[in-house]
Amino acid sequence: MASVFTRIVKGEIPCYKVAEDDRYFAFLDINPLAKGHTLVIPKEETDNIFDLDDRTLADMMVFAKRIARKIQANIACKKVAVVVLGLEVPHAHIHLIPINSEKDVDFHREKLQLTPEEFQRIAKTISL
């Protein structure tokens, strides 16, 4: 069965897309820790990020870097954190989270509640 992320890539589930190329896809996290919290995934469905071949993993980071630069240029933050957890969805992914302190990457804290209009505005602001 396809992961929820694969279904997003195929257009079966809506998302707030930030970027896409032939191998990677990026979209806003719908339970964000901060405005601009973005998920970057390979289109190839692989559960563990370290099971990706070296080229796919390296190119995914370069793809994520372009998005992180756009986030940092358009969202008030000191840096963009890169977090790999991988437990919630069995599809390799990277979280890009705008941060001002290390506390901003605490996944146990309450998530932001944004309107569809806010998500759309943010996605448009940081889209490649």
N, C-alpha and C. Protein backbone atom coordinates (compact mmCIF):
# COMPACT_ATOMS: atom_id res chain seq x y z
N MET A 1 0.84 -1.18 0.00
CA MET A 1 0.00 0.00 0.00
C MET A 1 0.89 1.24 0.00
N ALA A 2 0.53 2.21 -0.82
CA ALA A 2 1.31 3.43 -0.93
C ALA A 2 1.25 4.24 0.36
N SER A 3 2.38 4.87 0.70
CA SER A 3 2.40 5.73 1.88
C SER A 3 1.57 6.99 1.61
N VAL A 4 1.21 7.69 2.67
CA VAL A 4 0.46 8.93 2.52
C VAL A 4 1.28 9.93 1.69
N PHE A 5 2.59 9.90 1.81
CA PHE A 5 3.42 10.82 1.02
C PHE A 5 3.41 10.46 -0.46
N THR A 6 3.43 9.18 -0.77
CA THR A 6 3.33 8.76 -2.17
C THR A 6 1.98 9.20 -2.74
N ARG A 7 0.95 9.08 -1.95
CA ARG A 7 -0.39 9.51 -2.40
C ARG A 7 -0.44 11.03 -2.60
N ILE A 8 0.30 11.78 -1.80
CA ILE A 8 0.39 13.23 -2.01
C ILE A 8 1.09 13.52 -3.33
N VAL A 9 2.21 12.86 -3.58
CA VAL A 9 2.96 13.06 -4.84
C VAL A 9 2.07 12.75 -6.04
N LYS A 10 1.26 11.70 -5.95
CA LYS A 10 0.38 11.30 -7.06
C LYS A 10 -0.85 12.19 -7.19
N GLY A 11 -1.05 13.12 -6.25
CA GLY A 11 -2.19 14.01 -6.30
C GLY A 11 -3.47 13.42 -5.74
N GLU A 12 -3.36 12.28 -5.07
CA GLU A 12 -4.54 11.64 -4.49
C GLU A 12 -4.96 12.31 -3.19
N ILE A 13 -4.02 12.97 -2.53
CA ILE A 13 -4.27 13.71 -1.29
C ILE A 13 -3.75 15.12 -1.52
N PRO A 14 -4.54 16.14 -1.20
CA PRO A 14 -4.08 17.52 -1.42
C PRO A 14 -2.95 17.91 -0.46
N CYS A 15 -2.16 18.88 -0.90
CA CYS A 15 -1.09 19.41 -0.06
C CYS A 15 -0.82 20.85 -0.46
N TYR A 16 0.05 21.49 0.30
CA TYR A 16 0.51 22.84 -0.02
C TYR A 16 1.93 22.68 -0.56
N LYS A 17 2.01 22.48 -1.88
CA LYS A 17 3.29 22.18 -2.53
C LYS A 17 4.20 23.40 -2.53
N VAL A 18 5.47 23.12 -2.24
CA VAL A 18 6.50 24.16 -2.23
C VAL A 18 7.44 23.99 -3.42
N ALA A 19 7.78 22.75 -3.76
CA ALA A 19 8.69 22.50 -4.87
C ALA A 19 8.56 21.06 -5.34
N GLU A 20 8.94 20.86 -6.60
CA GLU A 20 8.92 19.51 -7.16
C GLU A 20 9.85 19.47 -8.35
N ASP A 21 10.54 18.35 -8.49
CA ASP A 21 11.25 18.05 -9.72
C ASP A 21 10.97 16.59 -10.05
N ASP A 22 11.73 16.01 -10.93
CA ASP A 22 11.44 14.64 -11.35
C ASP A 22 11.72 13.60 -10.26
N ARG A 23 12.50 13.95 -9.22
CA ARG A 23 12.87 12.97 -8.20
C ARG A 23 12.45 13.32 -6.78
N TYR A 24 12.12 14.59 -6.53
CA TYR A 24 11.83 15.03 -5.17
C TYR A 24 10.58 15.90 -5.12
N PHE A 25 10.03 16.00 -3.93
CA PHE A 25 8.78 16.74 -3.73
C PHE A 25 8.87 17.40 -2.35
N ALA A 26 8.41 18.64 -2.24
CA ALA A 26 8.41 19.35 -0.96
C ALA A 26 7.07 20.01 -0.75
N PHE A 27 6.56 19.92 0.48
CA PHE A 27 5.26 20.49 0.80
C PHE A 27 5.23 20.88 2.27
N LEU A 28 4.32 21.79 2.60
CA LEU A 28 4.22 22.23 3.99
C LEU A 28 3.68 21.13 4.88
N ASP A 29 4.26 21.03 6.07
CA ASP A 29 3.77 20.10 7.09
C ASP A 29 2.42 20.64 7.57
N ILE A 30 1.39 19.81 7.61
CA ILE A 30 0.06 20.29 8.03
C ILE A 30 -0.06 20.39 9.55
N ASN A 31 0.94 19.92 10.26
CA ASN A 31 1.01 20.08 11.72
C ASN A 31 2.34 20.76 12.06
N PRO A 32 2.50 22.00 11.62
CA PRO A 32 3.81 22.64 11.70
C PRO A 32 4.22 23.09 13.10
N LEU A 33 5.53 23.03 13.32
CA LEU A 33 6.11 23.60 14.53
C LEU A 33 6.31 25.10 14.36
N ALA A 34 6.43 25.55 13.11
CA ALA A 34 6.63 26.97 12.79
C ALA A 34 6.08 27.24 11.40
N LYS A 35 5.76 28.48 11.14
CA LYS A 35 5.33 28.85 9.79
C LYS A 35 6.49 28.58 8.84
N GLY A 36 6.20 27.86 7.78
CA GLY A 36 7.23 27.49 6.82
C GLY A 36 7.80 26.10 7.02
N HIS A 37 7.35 25.37 8.05
CA HIS A 37 7.81 24.00 8.31
C HIS A 37 7.47 23.15 7.08
N THR A 38 8.49 22.65 6.43
CA THR A 38 8.35 21.97 5.15
C THR A 38 8.91 20.55 5.23
N LEU A 39 8.26 19.64 4.52
CA LEU A 39 8.74 18.27 4.40
C LEU A 39 9.32 18.08 3.00
N VAL A 40 10.46 17.43 2.93
CA VAL A 40 11.12 17.13 1.65
C VAL A 40 11.22 15.62 1.55
N ILE A 41 10.74 15.08 0.44
CA ILE A 41 10.73 13.62 0.26
C ILE A 41 11.27 13.24 -1.11
N PRO A 42 11.83 12.04 -1.21
CA PRO A 42 12.12 11.50 -2.54
C PRO A 42 10.80 10.93 -3.08
N LYS A 43 10.61 11.02 -4.37
CA LYS A 43 9.40 10.42 -4.93
C LYS A 43 9.46 8.90 -4.84
N GLU A 44 10.65 8.36 -4.85
CA GLU A 44 10.84 6.92 -4.67
C GLU A 44 10.47 6.58 -3.23
N GLU A 45 9.52 5.70 -3.05
CA GLU A 45 9.07 5.34 -1.71
C GLU A 45 10.05 4.37 -1.06
N THR A 46 10.74 4.88 -0.07
CA THR A 46 11.68 4.11 0.74
C THR A 46 11.43 4.50 2.19
N ASP A 47 11.30 3.53 3.07
CA ASP A 47 10.96 3.81 4.46
C ASP A 47 12.10 4.53 5.19
N ASN A 48 13.29 3.99 5.18
CA ASN A 48 14.41 4.51 5.95
C ASN A 48 15.27 5.40 5.08
N ILE A 49 15.51 6.62 5.51
CA ILE A 49 16.30 7.57 4.72
C ILE A 49 17.69 7.02 4.40
N PHE A 50 18.26 6.22 5.30
CA PHE A 50 19.59 5.69 5.06
C PHE A 50 19.59 4.43 4.20
N ASP A 51 18.42 4.03 3.73
CA ASP A 51 18.33 2.98 2.72
C ASP A 51 18.35 3.56 1.31
N LEU A 52 18.26 4.88 1.20
CA LEU A 52 18.37 5.52 -0.11
C LEU A 52 19.80 5.35 -0.61
N ASP A 53 19.96 5.22 -1.93
CA ASP A 53 21.32 5.14 -2.45
C ASP A 53 22.00 6.50 -2.24
N ASP A 54 23.32 6.49 -2.25
CA ASP A 54 24.09 7.69 -1.91
C ASP A 54 23.73 8.90 -2.78
N ARG A 55 23.57 8.68 -4.06
CA ARG A 55 23.26 9.80 -4.97
C ARG A 55 21.89 10.38 -4.65
N THR A 56 20.89 9.53 -4.41
CA THR A 56 19.54 10.01 -4.10
C THR A 56 19.55 10.81 -2.81
N LEU A 57 20.25 10.31 -1.79
CA LEU A 57 20.31 11.02 -0.51
C LEU A 57 21.03 12.36 -0.66
N ALA A 58 22.16 12.36 -1.35
CA ALA A 58 22.92 13.60 -1.54
C ALA A 58 22.12 14.62 -2.35
N ASP A 59 21.50 14.18 -3.42
CA ASP A 59 20.71 15.09 -4.26
C ASP A 59 19.48 15.61 -3.52
N MET A 60 18.92 14.78 -2.63
CA MET A 60 17.78 15.22 -1.82
C MET A 60 18.20 16.36 -0.90
N MET A 61 19.39 16.28 -0.33
CA MET A 61 19.88 17.36 0.53
C MET A 61 20.13 18.64 -0.28
N VAL A 62 20.61 18.51 -1.49
CA VAL A 62 20.82 19.69 -2.34
C VAL A 62 19.46 20.31 -2.69
N PHE A 63 18.48 19.49 -2.99
CA PHE A 63 17.11 19.97 -3.25
C PHE A 63 16.58 20.69 -2.01
N ALA A 64 16.77 20.08 -0.83
CA ALA A 64 16.32 20.68 0.44
C ALA A 64 17.04 22.00 0.71
N LYS A 65 18.30 22.08 0.35
CA LYS A 65 19.08 23.31 0.57
C LYS A 65 18.46 24.49 -0.16
N ARG A 66 18.03 24.28 -1.37
CA ARG A 66 17.39 25.36 -2.14
C ARG A 66 16.13 25.85 -1.44
N ILE A 67 15.36 24.93 -0.89
CA ILE A 67 14.13 25.30 -0.19
C ILE A 67 14.47 25.99 1.13
N ALA A 68 15.46 25.48 1.85
CA ALA A 68 15.87 26.08 3.12
C ALA A 68 16.31 27.53 2.91
N ARG A 69 17.04 27.78 1.85
CA ARG A 69 17.47 29.16 1.55
C ARG A 69 16.26 30.07 1.30
N LYS A 70 15.27 29.54 0.61
CA LYS A 70 14.06 30.31 0.33
C LYS A 70 13.28 30.55 1.62
N ILE A 71 13.21 29.55 2.49
CA ILE A 71 12.54 29.72 3.78
C ILE A 71 13.24 30.81 4.58
N GLN A 72 14.57 30.71 4.69
CA GLN A 72 15.31 31.67 5.51
C GLN A 72 15.20 33.09 4.95
N ALA A 73 15.08 33.22 3.65
CA ALA A 73 14.95 34.55 3.04
C ALA A 73 13.57 35.16 3.24
N ASN A 74 12.55 34.32 3.52
CA ASN A 74 11.18 34.82 3.56
C ASN A 74 10.42 34.61 4.87
N ILE A 75 10.99 33.86 5.78
CA ILE A 75 10.36 33.60 7.08
C ILE A 75 11.32 34.11 8.16
N ALA A 76 10.81 34.87 9.12
CA ALA A 76 11.66 35.41 10.17
C ALA A 76 12.22 34.26 11.02
N CYS A 77 13.52 34.01 10.89
CA CYS A 77 14.18 32.96 11.66
C CYS A 77 15.68 33.17 11.61
N LYS A 78 16.38 32.58 12.60
CA LYS A 78 17.84 32.65 12.61
C LYS A 78 18.45 31.61 11.67
N LYS A 79 17.84 30.43 11.66
CA LYS A 79 18.33 29.32 10.83
C LYS A 79 17.16 28.44 10.44
N VAL A 80 17.45 27.50 9.56
CA VAL A 80 16.48 26.47 9.21
C VAL A 80 17.07 25.14 9.67
N ALA A 81 16.39 24.51 10.61
CA ALA A 81 16.83 23.22 11.13
C ALA A 81 16.48 22.11 10.16
N VAL A 82 17.32 21.10 10.12
CA VAL A 82 17.07 19.90 9.34
C VAL A 82 16.90 18.76 10.33
N VAL A 83 15.74 18.13 10.30
CA VAL A 83 15.45 17.06 11.25
C VAL A 83 14.99 15.82 10.48
N VAL A 84 15.53 14.67 10.85
CA VAL A 84 15.10 13.40 10.29
C VAL A 84 14.59 12.55 11.45
N LEU A 85 13.30 12.26 11.43
CA LEU A 85 12.71 11.39 12.45
C LEU A 85 12.27 10.09 11.80
N GLY A 86 11.34 10.20 10.88
CA GLY A 86 10.96 9.06 10.09
C GLY A 86 10.07 8.02 10.72
N LEU A 87 9.51 8.27 11.89
CA LEU A 87 8.66 7.27 12.52
C LEU A 87 7.19 7.43 12.17
N GLU A 88 6.75 8.64 11.91
CA GLU A 88 5.32 8.88 11.72
C GLU A 88 4.79 8.43 10.35
N VAL A 89 5.61 8.43 9.32
CA VAL A 89 5.19 7.97 7.99
C VAL A 89 6.31 7.09 7.44
N PRO A 90 6.00 5.91 6.94
CA PRO A 90 7.04 5.01 6.44
C PRO A 90 7.52 5.41 5.03
N HIS A 91 8.01 6.64 4.93
CA HIS A 91 8.52 7.17 3.67
C HIS A 91 9.61 8.17 4.06
N ALA A 92 10.83 7.96 3.59
CA ALA A 92 11.95 8.82 3.95
C ALA A 92 11.57 10.29 3.76
N HIS A 93 11.92 11.11 4.75
CA HIS A 93 11.63 12.54 4.64
C HIS A 93 12.51 13.36 5.57
N ILE A 94 12.64 14.63 5.21
CA ILE A 94 13.40 15.60 5.97
C ILE A 94 12.45 16.72 6.37
N HIS A 95 12.52 17.14 7.62
CA HIS A 95 11.79 18.32 8.08
C HIS A 95 12.71 19.52 7.96
N LEU A 96 12.25 20.59 7.33
CA LEU A 96 12.95 21.87 7.33
C LEU A 96 12.12 22.80 8.21
N ILE A 97 12.69 23.24 9.32
CA ILE A 97 11.93 24.00 10.31
C ILE A 97 12.63 25.33 10.58
N PRO A 98 11.96 26.45 10.31
CA PRO A 98 12.53 27.75 10.67
C PRO A 98 12.65 27.84 12.20
N ILE A 99 13.84 28.21 12.69
CA ILE A 99 14.05 28.25 14.14
C ILE A 99 14.75 29.53 14.58
N ASN A 100 14.49 29.89 15.82
CA ASN A 100 15.21 30.97 16.48
C ASN A 100 15.94 30.47 17.72
N SER A 101 15.60 29.26 18.15
CA SER A 101 16.31 28.59 19.25
C SER A 101 16.14 27.09 19.09
N GLU A 102 16.93 26.34 19.82
CA GLU A 102 16.84 24.88 19.75
C GLU A 102 15.50 24.37 20.26
N LYS A 103 14.85 25.12 21.11
CA LYS A 103 13.54 24.73 21.63
C LYS A 103 12.49 24.65 20.51
N ASP A 104 12.76 25.32 19.40
CA ASP A 104 11.80 25.36 18.29
C ASP A 104 11.66 24.02 17.57
N VAL A 105 12.53 23.05 17.87
CA VAL A 105 12.42 21.74 17.22
C VAL A 105 11.92 20.66 18.17
N ASP A 106 11.21 21.08 19.20
CA ASP A 106 10.61 20.14 20.14
C ASP A 106 9.28 19.64 19.56
N PHE A 107 9.27 18.42 19.08
CA PHE A 107 8.08 17.86 18.43
C PHE A 107 6.97 17.54 19.42
N HIS A 108 7.23 17.67 20.72
CA HIS A 108 6.21 17.41 21.73
C HIS A 108 5.38 18.65 22.04
N ARG A 109 5.85 19.82 21.61
CA ARG A 109 5.09 21.03 21.91
C ARG A 109 3.90 21.17 20.96
N GLU A 110 2.99 22.03 21.33
CA GLU A 110 1.77 22.23 20.54
C GLU A 110 2.10 22.74 19.15
N LYS A 111 1.43 22.16 18.17
CA LYS A 111 1.63 22.55 16.77
C LYS A 111 0.80 23.80 16.46
N LEU A 112 1.24 24.54 15.46
CA LEU A 112 0.49 25.71 15.02
C LEU A 112 -0.82 25.29 14.36
N GLN A 113 -1.82 26.12 14.52
CA GLN A 113 -3.10 25.92 13.84
C GLN A 113 -3.22 27.02 12.80
N LEU A 114 -3.04 26.68 11.54
CA LEU A 114 -3.09 27.66 10.47
C LEU A 114 -4.32 27.44 9.60
N THR A 115 -4.81 28.51 9.02
CA THR A 115 -5.95 28.41 8.11
C THR A 115 -5.44 27.98 6.74
N PRO A 116 -6.32 27.46 5.90
CA PRO A 116 -5.90 27.12 4.53
C PRO A 116 -5.30 28.33 3.81
N GLU A 117 -5.84 29.50 4.07
CA GLU A 117 -5.31 30.71 3.43
C GLU A 117 -3.88 31.00 3.90
N GLU A 118 -3.61 30.78 5.18
CA GLU A 118 -2.25 30.98 5.69
C GLU A 118 -1.28 29.97 5.06
N PHE A 119 -1.71 28.71 4.99
CA PHE A 119 -0.87 27.71 4.34
C PHE A 119 -0.59 28.10 2.89
N GLN A 120 -1.61 28.51 2.16
CA GLN A 120 -1.44 28.90 0.76
C GLN A 120 -0.48 30.07 0.62
N ARG A 121 -0.63 31.06 1.50
CA ARG A 121 0.26 32.24 1.44
C ARG A 121 1.70 31.84 1.71
N ILE A 122 1.92 31.02 2.72
CA ILE A 122 3.26 30.58 3.06
C ILE A 122 3.87 29.75 1.92
N ALA A 123 3.10 28.81 1.40
CA ALA A 123 3.59 27.99 0.28
C ALA A 123 3.99 28.86 -0.90
N LYS A 124 3.17 29.83 -1.22
CA LYS A 124 3.48 30.73 -2.34
C LYS A 124 4.75 31.53 -2.06
N THR A 125 4.92 31.96 -0.81
CA THR A 125 6.07 32.77 -0.42
C THR A 125 7.39 32.01 -0.53
N ILE A 126 7.37 30.71 -0.22
CA ILE A 126 8.63 29.95 -0.21
C ILE A 126 8.78 28.99 -1.39
N SER A 127 7.83 28.98 -2.29
CA SER A 127 7.90 28.07 -3.44
C SER A 127 9.07 28.42 -4.35
N LEU A 128 9.66 27.39 -4.91
CA LEU A 128 10.74 27.59 -5.87
C LEU A 128 10.19 27.89 -7.24
